[in-house]
Amino acid sequence: MKFFMRMSKAELIRRYTVFMLAMVVGAFGVTLVTRATLGVNSVACFSYVTSVYFPITMGMVNILFNTSMLLAQFGVMRKEERKLQIINVLMQIPAMILFGFMIDVCMYLTRDFHPDAMPYGYALCLLTFAVGSLTIALNIAFQVIGNVAKLPCDAFVMILAARINKKLGWVKLSFDAFLVITAAIMSLVCSGFTEIIGIREGTVLGALLIGPLVQLLLPYFAFVTRWIERAKTSSSETA
């Protein structure tokens, strides 16, 4: 809460502009990776599998999943932390709604795009997957630059790591593995133990590539950070 109080209105607007752009970009990236049919990333596995076997869209499942993660944060927090973090947690609500809504929009707009059914199908799937992974990495880079909010699933992992005093990387890895295993079990049960959908080589590649891609992209978007910083300068000069 103190973090928001230190920011000027202009800086806050710019940071949230970048963050909301990250949500839109991320939704497009998730859609491309899904259309590539090489396996979706770990966080999207559950949403994708559920949308395949049940009459609910991937975006709606994502919103419901993030809602459960938002509530889980309160369960993990200590009583005093809940009071201090209430604003930060509530600010995740518009983010998760926008993200889920944009996934459905992007899935609808790309409904006729099936690279696996086109000539040179596997090569085109790989290309689609690569662009999608790069786009997801760009989404994360924008979230880092904006530095105002997180999706509930990401925030939950950070709070859980702090609560149990474990390294964030290991907690994130365990959380992602849990999501993938859950999605695989659901797929097996719903298909009568005949198939596992949504989990392929792309799921593993995404886990290995997206982190390094974020680090690769961040320096190229330093101008966005400078744009945000100029809001601080303008505010101090006005004051």
C-alpha atoms as a PDB file:
ATOM      1  CA  MET A   1       0.000   0.000   0.000  1.00  0.00           C
ATOM      2  CA  LYS A   2       2.878   2.375   0.808  1.00  0.00           C
ATOM      3  CA  PHE A   3       4.288   1.668  -2.636  1.00  0.00           C
ATOM      4  CA  PHE A   4       1.181   3.166  -4.273  1.00  0.00           C
ATOM      5  CA  MET A   5       1.220   6.178  -1.939  1.00  0.00           C
ATOM      6  CA  ARG A   6       4.752   7.083  -3.057  1.00  0.00           C
ATOM      7  CA  MET A   7       3.755   7.256  -6.725  1.00  0.00           C
ATOM      8  CA  SER A   8       2.330  10.252  -8.530  1.00  0.00           C
ATOM      9  CA  LYS A   9      -0.895   9.911 -10.467  1.00  0.00           C
ATOM     10  CA  ALA A  10       0.981  10.173 -13.782  1.00  0.00           C
ATOM     11  CA  GLU A  11       3.420   7.422 -12.812  1.00  0.00           C
ATOM     12  CA  LEU A  12       0.632   5.164 -11.600  1.00  0.00           C
ATOM     13  CA  ILE A  13      -1.260   5.601 -14.872  1.00  0.00           C
ATOM     14  CA  ARG A  14       1.836   4.766 -16.914  1.00  0.00           C
ATOM     15  CA  ARG A  15       2.670   1.726 -14.832  1.00  0.00           C
ATOM     16  CA  TYR A  16      -0.860   0.367 -15.124  1.00  0.00           C
ATOM     17  CA  THR A  17      -0.891   1.088 -18.860  1.00  0.00           C
ATOM     18  CA  VAL A  18       2.191  -1.107 -19.244  1.00  0.00           C
ATOM     19  CA  PHE A  19       0.739  -3.773 -16.951  1.00  0.00           C
ATOM     20  CA  MET A  20      -2.604  -3.952 -18.770  1.00  0.00           C
ATOM     21  CA  LEU A  21      -0.720  -4.122 -22.069  1.00  0.00           C
ATOM     22  CA  ALA A  22       1.166  -7.070 -20.569  1.00  0.00           C
ATOM     23  CA  MET A  23      -2.150  -8.837 -19.896  1.00  0.00           C
ATOM     24  CA  VAL A  24      -3.262  -8.401 -23.519  1.00  0.00           C
ATOM     25  CA  VAL A  25       0.116  -9.485 -24.904  1.00  0.00           C
ATOM     26  CA  GLY A  26       0.202 -12.469 -22.545  1.00  0.00           C
ATOM     27  CA  ALA A  27      -3.260 -13.626 -23.607  1.00  0.00           C
ATOM     28  CA  PHE A  28      -2.172 -13.529 -27.255  1.00  0.00           C
ATOM     29  CA  GLY A  29       0.961 -15.505 -26.402  1.00  0.00           C
ATOM     30  CA  VAL A  30      -1.026 -18.189 -24.563  1.00  0.00           C
ATOM     31  CA  THR A  31      -3.362 -18.413 -27.560  1.00  0.00           C
ATOM     32  CA  LEU A  32      -0.499 -18.891 -30.037  1.00  0.00           C
ATOM     33  CA  VAL A  33       1.107 -21.585 -27.886  1.00  0.00           C
ATOM     34  CA  THR A  34      -2.274 -23.325 -27.619  1.00  0.00           C
ATOM     35  CA  ARG A  35      -2.841 -23.148 -31.389  1.00  0.00           C
ATOM     36  CA  ALA A  36       0.625 -24.620 -31.963  1.00  0.00           C
ATOM     37  CA  THR A  37      -0.699 -27.905 -30.446  1.00  0.00           C
ATOM     38  CA  LEU A  38       2.755 -28.770 -29.092  1.00  0.00           C
ATOM     39  CA  GLY A  39       1.696 -28.473 -25.465  1.00  0.00           C
ATOM     40  CA  VAL A  40       0.618 -25.413 -23.483  1.00  0.00           C
ATOM     41  CA  ASN A  41       2.634 -23.854 -20.676  1.00  0.00           C
ATOM     42  CA  SER A  42       2.229 -25.178 -17.147  1.00  0.00           C
ATOM     43  CA  VAL A  43      -0.099 -22.459 -15.831  1.00  0.00           C
ATOM     44  CA  ALA A  44      -2.451 -22.805 -18.828  1.00  0.00           C
ATOM     45  CA  CYS A  45      -2.541 -26.635 -18.762  1.00  0.00           C
ATOM     46  CA  PHE A  46      -5.433 -26.899 -16.346  1.00  0.00           C
ATOM     47  CA  SER A  47      -7.467 -24.214 -18.143  1.00  0.00           C
ATOM     48  CA  TYR A  48      -6.917 -25.813 -21.533  1.00  0.00           C
ATOM     49  CA  VAL A  49      -7.773 -29.369 -20.462  1.00  0.00           C
ATOM     50  CA  THR A  50     -10.900 -28.189 -18.635  1.00  0.00           C
ATOM     51  CA  SER A  51     -12.070 -26.192 -21.678  1.00  0.00           C
ATOM     52  CA  VAL A  52     -11.659 -29.257 -23.912  1.00  0.00           C
ATOM     53  CA  TYR A  53     -13.697 -31.654 -21.783  1.00  0.00           C
ATOM     54  CA  PHE A  54     -16.275 -29.278 -20.313  1.00  0.00           C
ATOM     55  CA  PRO A  55     -18.605 -26.631 -21.838  1.00  0.00           C
ATOM     56  CA  ILE A  56     -16.596 -23.648 -20.572  1.00  0.00           C
ATOM     57  CA  THR A  57     -14.099 -21.403 -22.330  1.00  0.00           C
ATOM     58  CA  MET A  58     -10.395 -21.382 -21.590  1.00  0.00           C
ATOM     59  CA  GLY A  59     -10.590 -17.746 -20.503  1.00  0.00           C
ATOM     60  CA  MET A  60     -13.419 -18.405 -18.059  1.00  0.00           C
ATOM     61  CA  VAL A  61     -11.531 -21.318 -16.504  1.00  0.00           C
ATOM     62  CA  ASN A  62      -8.505 -19.051 -16.190  1.00  0.00           C
ATOM     63  CA  ILE A  63     -10.571 -16.444 -14.324  1.00  0.00           C
ATOM     64  CA  LEU A  64     -12.011 -19.081 -11.981  1.00  0.00           C
ATOM     65  CA  PHE A  65      -8.573 -20.584 -11.395  1.00  0.00           C
ATOM     66  CA  ASN A  66      -7.064 -17.175 -10.586  1.00  0.00           C
ATOM     67  CA  THR A  67     -10.013 -16.435  -8.301  1.00  0.00           C
ATOM     68  CA  SER A  68      -9.168 -19.574  -6.325  1.00  0.00           C
ATOM     69  CA  MET A  69      -5.532 -18.454  -6.185  1.00  0.00           C
ATOM     70  CA  LEU A  70      -6.630 -15.028  -4.953  1.00  0.00           C
ATOM     71  CA  LEU A  71      -8.595 -16.630  -2.110  1.00  0.00           C
ATOM     72  CA  ALA A  72      -5.696 -18.975  -1.397  1.00  0.00           C
ATOM     73  CA  GLN A  73      -3.464 -15.977  -0.771  1.00  0.00           C
ATOM     74  CA  PHE A  74      -5.628 -14.987   2.190  1.00  0.00           C
ATOM     75  CA  GLY A  75      -5.357 -18.534   3.505  1.00  0.00           C
ATOM     76  CA  VAL A  76      -1.554 -18.458   3.351  1.00  0.00           C
ATOM     77  CA  MET A  77      -1.136 -14.936   4.795  1.00  0.00           C
ATOM     78  CA  ARG A  78      -0.901 -14.202   8.476  1.00  0.00           C
ATOM     79  CA  LYS A  79      -3.642 -12.050  10.000  1.00  0.00           C
ATOM     80  CA  GLU A  80      -1.544  -8.873  10.049  1.00  0.00           C
ATOM     81  CA  GLU A  81      -0.419  -9.469   6.448  1.00  0.00           C
ATOM     82  CA  ARG A  82      -4.026  -9.606   5.241  1.00  0.00           C
ATOM     83  CA  LYS A  83      -4.628  -6.070   6.470  1.00  0.00           C
ATOM     84  CA  LEU A  84      -1.426  -4.747   4.899  1.00  0.00           C
ATOM     85  CA  GLN A  85      -1.848  -6.542   1.569  1.00  0.00           C
ATOM     86  CA  ILE A  86      -5.596  -6.137   0.999  1.00  0.00           C
ATOM     87  CA  ILE A  87      -5.168  -3.354  -1.591  1.00  0.00           C
ATOM     88  CA  ASN A  88      -2.488  -5.286  -3.481  1.00  0.00           C
ATOM     89  CA  VAL A  89      -4.680  -8.394  -3.565  1.00  0.00           C
ATOM     90  CA  LEU A  90      -7.779  -6.518  -4.708  1.00  0.00           C
ATOM     91  CA  MET A  91      -5.807  -4.895  -7.534  1.00  0.00           C
ATOM     92  CA  GLN A  92      -5.294  -8.391  -8.968  1.00  0.00           C
ATOM     93  CA  ILE A  93      -9.012  -8.711  -9.746  1.00  0.00           C
ATOM     94  CA  PRO A  94      -9.159  -6.434 -12.828  1.00  0.00           C
ATOM     95  CA  ALA A  95      -5.909  -7.999 -14.062  1.00  0.00           C
ATOM     96  CA  MET A  96      -7.231 -11.569 -13.955  1.00  0.00           C
ATOM     97  CA  ILE A  97     -10.550 -10.573 -15.541  1.00  0.00           C
ATOM     98  CA  LEU A  98      -8.820  -8.748 -18.404  1.00  0.00           C
ATOM     99  CA  PHE A  99      -6.396 -11.635 -18.917  1.00  0.00           C
ATOM    100  CA  GLY A 100      -9.143 -14.276 -19.027  1.00  0.00           C
ATOM    101  CA  PHE A 101     -11.358 -12.143 -21.265  1.00  0.00           C
ATOM    102  CA  MET A 102      -8.511 -11.495 -23.719  1.00  0.00           C
ATOM    103  CA  ILE A 103      -7.684 -15.210 -23.899  1.00  0.00           C
ATOM    104  CA  ASP A 104     -11.245 -15.873 -25.064  1.00  0.00           C
ATOM    105  CA  VAL A 105     -11.077 -12.973 -27.531  1.00  0.00           C
ATOM    106  CA  CYS A 106      -7.772 -14.181 -28.989  1.00  0.00           C
ATOM    107  CA  MET A 107      -8.961 -17.797 -29.140  1.00  0.00           C
ATOM    108  CA  TYR A 108     -12.044 -16.637 -31.046  1.00  0.00           C
ATOM    109  CA  LEU A 109     -10.067 -14.465 -33.465  1.00  0.00           C
ATOM    110  CA  THR A 110      -7.691 -17.361 -34.231  1.00  0.00           C
ATOM    111  CA  ARG A 111     -10.412 -20.035 -34.401  1.00  0.00           C
ATOM    112  CA  ASP A 112      -9.587 -20.783 -38.059  1.00  0.00           C
ATOM    113  CA  PHE A 113      -5.817 -20.898 -37.512  1.00  0.00           C
ATOM    114  CA  HIS A 114      -4.692 -24.529 -37.310  1.00  0.00           C
ATOM    115  CA  PRO A 115      -0.987 -24.776 -38.206  1.00  0.00           C
ATOM    116  CA  ASP A 116      -0.939 -28.537 -37.642  1.00  0.00           C
ATOM    117  CA  ALA A 117      -3.372 -28.973 -40.545  1.00  0.00           C
ATOM    118  CA  MET A 118      -1.342 -26.826 -42.972  1.00  0.00           C
ATOM    119  CA  PRO A 119       1.535 -27.774 -45.298  1.00  0.00           C
ATOM    120  CA  TYR A 120       4.794 -28.256 -43.378  1.00  0.00           C
ATOM    121  CA  GLY A 121       2.552 -28.625 -40.339  1.00  0.00           C
ATOM    122  CA  TYR A 122       5.120 -29.500 -37.659  1.00  0.00           C
ATOM    123  CA  ALA A 123       7.520 -26.768 -38.790  1.00  0.00           C
ATOM    124  CA  LEU A 124       4.681 -24.233 -38.745  1.00  0.00           C
ATOM    125  CA  CYS A 125       3.628 -25.474 -35.305  1.00  0.00           C
ATOM    126  CA  LEU A 126       7.184 -24.946 -34.071  1.00  0.00           C
ATOM    127  CA  LEU A 127       7.222 -21.429 -35.503  1.00  0.00           C
ATOM    128  CA  THR A 128       3.861 -20.630 -33.919  1.00  0.00           C
ATOM    129  CA  PHE A 129       5.072 -22.014 -30.614  1.00  0.00           C
ATOM    130  CA  ALA A 130       8.278 -19.959 -30.790  1.00  0.00           C
ATOM    131  CA  VAL A 131       6.384 -16.726 -31.487  1.00  0.00           C
ATOM    132  CA  GLY A 132       3.913 -17.541 -28.723  1.00  0.00           C
ATOM    133  CA  SER A 133       6.703 -18.219 -26.212  1.00  0.00           C
ATOM    134  CA  LEU A 134       8.432 -14.978 -27.186  1.00  0.00           C
ATOM    135  CA  THR A 135       5.143 -13.138 -26.694  1.00  0.00           C
ATOM    136  CA  ILE A 136       4.637 -14.693 -23.243  1.00  0.00           C
ATOM    137  CA  ALA A 137       8.176 -13.637 -22.335  1.00  0.00           C
ATOM    138  CA  LEU A 138       7.343 -10.104 -23.496  1.00  0.00           C
ATOM    139  CA  ASN A 139       4.267 -10.170 -21.264  1.00  0.00           C
ATOM    140  CA  ILE A 140       6.419 -11.079 -18.240  1.00  0.00           C
ATOM    141  CA  ALA A 141       8.964  -8.390 -19.124  1.00  0.00           C
ATOM    142  CA  PHE A 142       6.184  -5.776 -19.231  1.00  0.00           C
ATOM    143  CA  GLN A 143       4.903  -6.994 -15.855  1.00  0.00           C
ATOM    144  CA  VAL A 144       8.390  -6.571 -14.398  1.00  0.00           C
ATOM    145  CA  ILE A 145       8.692  -3.068 -15.870  1.00  0.00           C
ATOM    146  CA  GLY A 146       5.203  -2.008 -14.755  1.00  0.00           C
ATOM    147  CA  ASN A 147       5.792  -3.406 -11.241  1.00  0.00           C
ATOM    148  CA  VAL A 148       2.311  -2.665  -9.864  1.00  0.00           C
ATOM    149  CA  ALA A 149       0.355  -5.921  -9.783  1.00  0.00           C
ATOM    150  CA  LYS A 150       0.533  -9.610 -10.559  1.00  0.00           C
ATOM    151  CA  LEU A 151      -1.849 -12.316 -11.620  1.00  0.00           C
ATOM    152  CA  PRO A 152      -3.154 -14.156  -8.533  1.00  0.00           C
ATOM    153  CA  CYS A 153      -1.416 -17.425  -9.467  1.00  0.00           C
ATOM    154  CA  ASP A 154       1.968 -15.669  -9.564  1.00  0.00           C
ATOM    155  CA  ALA A 155       1.278 -13.686  -6.392  1.00  0.00           C
ATOM    156  CA  PHE A 156       0.234 -16.863  -4.558  1.00  0.00           C
ATOM    157  CA  VAL A 157       3.542 -18.554  -5.357  1.00  0.00           C
ATOM    158  CA  MET A 158       5.506 -15.553  -4.074  1.00  0.00           C
ATOM    159  CA  ILE A 159       3.496 -15.351  -0.838  1.00  0.00           C
ATOM    160  CA  LEU A 160       3.718 -19.113  -0.294  1.00  0.00           C
ATOM    161  CA  ALA A 161       7.501 -19.081  -0.787  1.00  0.00           C
ATOM    162  CA  ALA A 162       7.863 -16.314   1.801  1.00  0.00           C
ATOM    163  CA  ARG A 163       5.473 -18.051   4.212  1.00  0.00           C
ATOM    164  CA  ILE A 164       7.289 -21.405   4.190  1.00  0.00           C
ATOM    165  CA  ASN A 165      10.721 -19.738   3.860  1.00  0.00           C
ATOM    166  CA  LYS A 166      11.715 -21.549   0.679  1.00  0.00           C
ATOM    167  CA  LYS A 167      13.398 -20.258  -2.472  1.00  0.00           C
ATOM    168  CA  LEU A 168      10.924 -18.802  -4.964  1.00  0.00           C
ATOM    169  CA  GLY A 169      12.392 -20.786  -7.876  1.00  0.00           C
ATOM    170  CA  TRP A 170      11.800 -24.141  -6.176  1.00  0.00           C
ATOM    171  CA  VAL A 171       8.296 -23.225  -5.048  1.00  0.00           C
ATOM    172  CA  LYS A 172       7.446 -22.038  -8.577  1.00  0.00           C
ATOM    173  CA  LEU A 173       8.836 -25.244 -10.076  1.00  0.00           C
ATOM    174  CA  SER A 174       6.835 -27.388  -7.635  1.00  0.00           C
ATOM    175  CA  PHE A 175       3.672 -25.376  -8.285  1.00  0.00           C
ATOM    176  CA  ASP A 176       4.053 -25.712 -12.064  1.00  0.00           C
ATOM    177  CA  ALA A 177       4.702 -29.452 -11.753  1.00  0.00           C
ATOM    178  CA  PHE A 178       1.569 -29.809  -9.620  1.00  0.00           C
ATOM    179  CA  LEU A 179      -0.516 -28.021 -12.277  1.00  0.00           C
ATOM    180  CA  VAL A 180       0.861 -30.179 -15.090  1.00  0.00           C
ATOM    181  CA  ILE A 181       0.282 -33.417 -13.153  1.00  0.00           C
ATOM    182  CA  THR A 182      -3.260 -32.325 -12.230  1.00  0.00           C
ATOM    183  CA  ALA A 183      -4.042 -31.506 -15.870  1.00  0.00           C
ATOM    184  CA  ALA A 184      -2.601 -34.867 -17.006  1.00  0.00           C
ATOM    185  CA  ILE A 185      -4.718 -36.786 -14.480  1.00  0.00           C
ATOM    186  CA  MET A 186      -7.841 -34.859 -15.470  1.00  0.00           C
ATOM    187  CA  SER A 187      -7.170 -35.583 -19.142  1.00  0.00           C
ATOM    188  CA  LEU A 188      -6.706 -39.286 -18.460  1.00  0.00           C
ATOM    189  CA  VAL A 189      -9.871 -39.542 -16.367  1.00  0.00           C
ATOM    190  CA  CYS A 190     -12.029 -37.537 -18.787  1.00  0.00           C
ATOM    191  CA  SER A 191     -10.811 -39.501 -21.814  1.00  0.00           C
ATOM    192  CA  GLY A 192     -11.334 -42.863 -20.187  1.00  0.00           C
ATOM    193  CA  PHE A 193      -7.563 -43.283 -19.781  1.00  0.00           C
ATOM    194  CA  THR A 194      -6.973 -43.114 -23.540  1.00  0.00           C
ATOM    195  CA  GLU A 195      -5.081 -39.822 -23.954  1.00  0.00           C
ATOM    196  CA  ILE A 196      -3.291 -36.898 -22.354  1.00  0.00           C
ATOM    197  CA  ILE A 197      -3.929 -33.610 -24.122  1.00  0.00           C
ATOM    198  CA  GLY A 198      -2.224 -30.231 -23.859  1.00  0.00           C
ATOM    199  CA  ILE A 199       1.013 -31.627 -22.429  1.00  0.00           C
ATOM    200  CA  ARG A 200       3.788 -32.284 -24.918  1.00  0.00           C
ATOM    201  CA  GLU A 201       7.310 -31.194 -25.751  1.00  0.00           C
ATOM    202  CA  GLY A 202       6.152 -27.573 -25.829  1.00  0.00           C
ATOM    203  CA  THR A 203       5.242 -27.710 -22.145  1.00  0.00           C
ATOM    204  CA  VAL A 204       8.832 -28.627 -21.271  1.00  0.00           C
ATOM    205  CA  LEU A 205      10.381 -26.232 -23.806  1.00  0.00           C
ATOM    206  CA  GLY A 206       8.270 -23.369 -22.491  1.00  0.00           C
ATOM    207  CA  ALA A 207       9.454 -24.002 -18.935  1.00  0.00           C
ATOM    208  CA  LEU A 208      13.083 -23.954 -20.111  1.00  0.00           C
ATOM    209  CA  LEU A 209      12.943 -21.070 -22.595  1.00  0.00           C
ATOM    210  CA  ILE A 210      10.623 -18.366 -21.267  1.00  0.00           C
ATOM    211  CA  GLY A 211      12.797 -17.340 -18.291  1.00  0.00           C
ATOM    212  CA  PRO A 212      15.933 -16.748 -20.401  1.00  0.00           C
ATOM    213  CA  LEU A 213      13.821 -15.006 -23.065  1.00  0.00           C
ATOM    214  CA  VAL A 214      12.574 -12.518 -20.451  1.00  0.00           C
ATOM    215  CA  GLN A 215      16.165 -11.659 -19.516  1.00  0.00           C
ATOM    216  CA  LEU A 216      17.006 -11.309 -23.205  1.00  0.00           C
ATOM    217  CA  LEU A 217      14.088  -8.949 -23.894  1.00  0.00           C
ATOM    218  CA  LEU A 218      14.305  -6.642 -20.865  1.00  0.00           C
ATOM    219  CA  PRO A 219      17.241  -4.511 -22.117  1.00  0.00           C
ATOM    220  CA  TYR A 220      15.434  -3.840 -25.406  1.00  0.00           C
ATOM    221  CA  PHE A 221      12.505  -2.292 -23.535  1.00  0.00           C
ATOM    222  CA  ALA A 222      14.518   0.019 -21.307  1.00  0.00           C
ATOM    223  CA  PHE A 223      12.811   2.891 -23.141  1.00  0.00           C
ATOM    224  CA  VAL A 224       9.516   1.870 -21.500  1.00  0.00           C
ATOM    225  CA  THR A 225      11.172   2.119 -18.077  1.00  0.00           C
ATOM    226  CA  ARG A 226      12.497   5.561 -19.024  1.00  0.00           C
ATOM    227  CA  TRP A 227       8.991   6.588 -20.103  1.00  0.00           C
ATOM    228  CA  ILE A 228       7.686   5.644 -16.670  1.00  0.00           C
ATOM    229  CA  GLU A 229      10.608   7.366 -14.930  1.00  0.00           C
ATOM    230  CA  ARG A 230       9.868  10.608 -16.776  1.00  0.00           C
ATOM    231  CA  ALA A 231       6.538  10.730 -14.961  1.00  0.00           C
ATOM    232  CA  LYS A 232       8.485  10.905 -11.680  1.00  0.00           C
ATOM    233  CA  THR A 233      10.646  13.717 -13.009  1.00  0.00           C
ATOM    234  CA  SER A 234       7.653  15.711 -14.263  1.00  0.00           C
ATOM    235  CA  SER A 235       5.888  15.253 -10.948  1.00  0.00           C
ATOM    236  CA  SER A 236       8.884  16.431  -8.878  1.00  0.00           C
ATOM    237  CA  GLU A 237       9.380  19.471 -11.117  1.00  0.00           C
ATOM    238  CA  THR A 238       5.703  20.405 -10.762  1.00  0.00           C
ATOM    239  CA  ALA A 239       5.902  20.036  -7.011  1.00  0.00           C
END
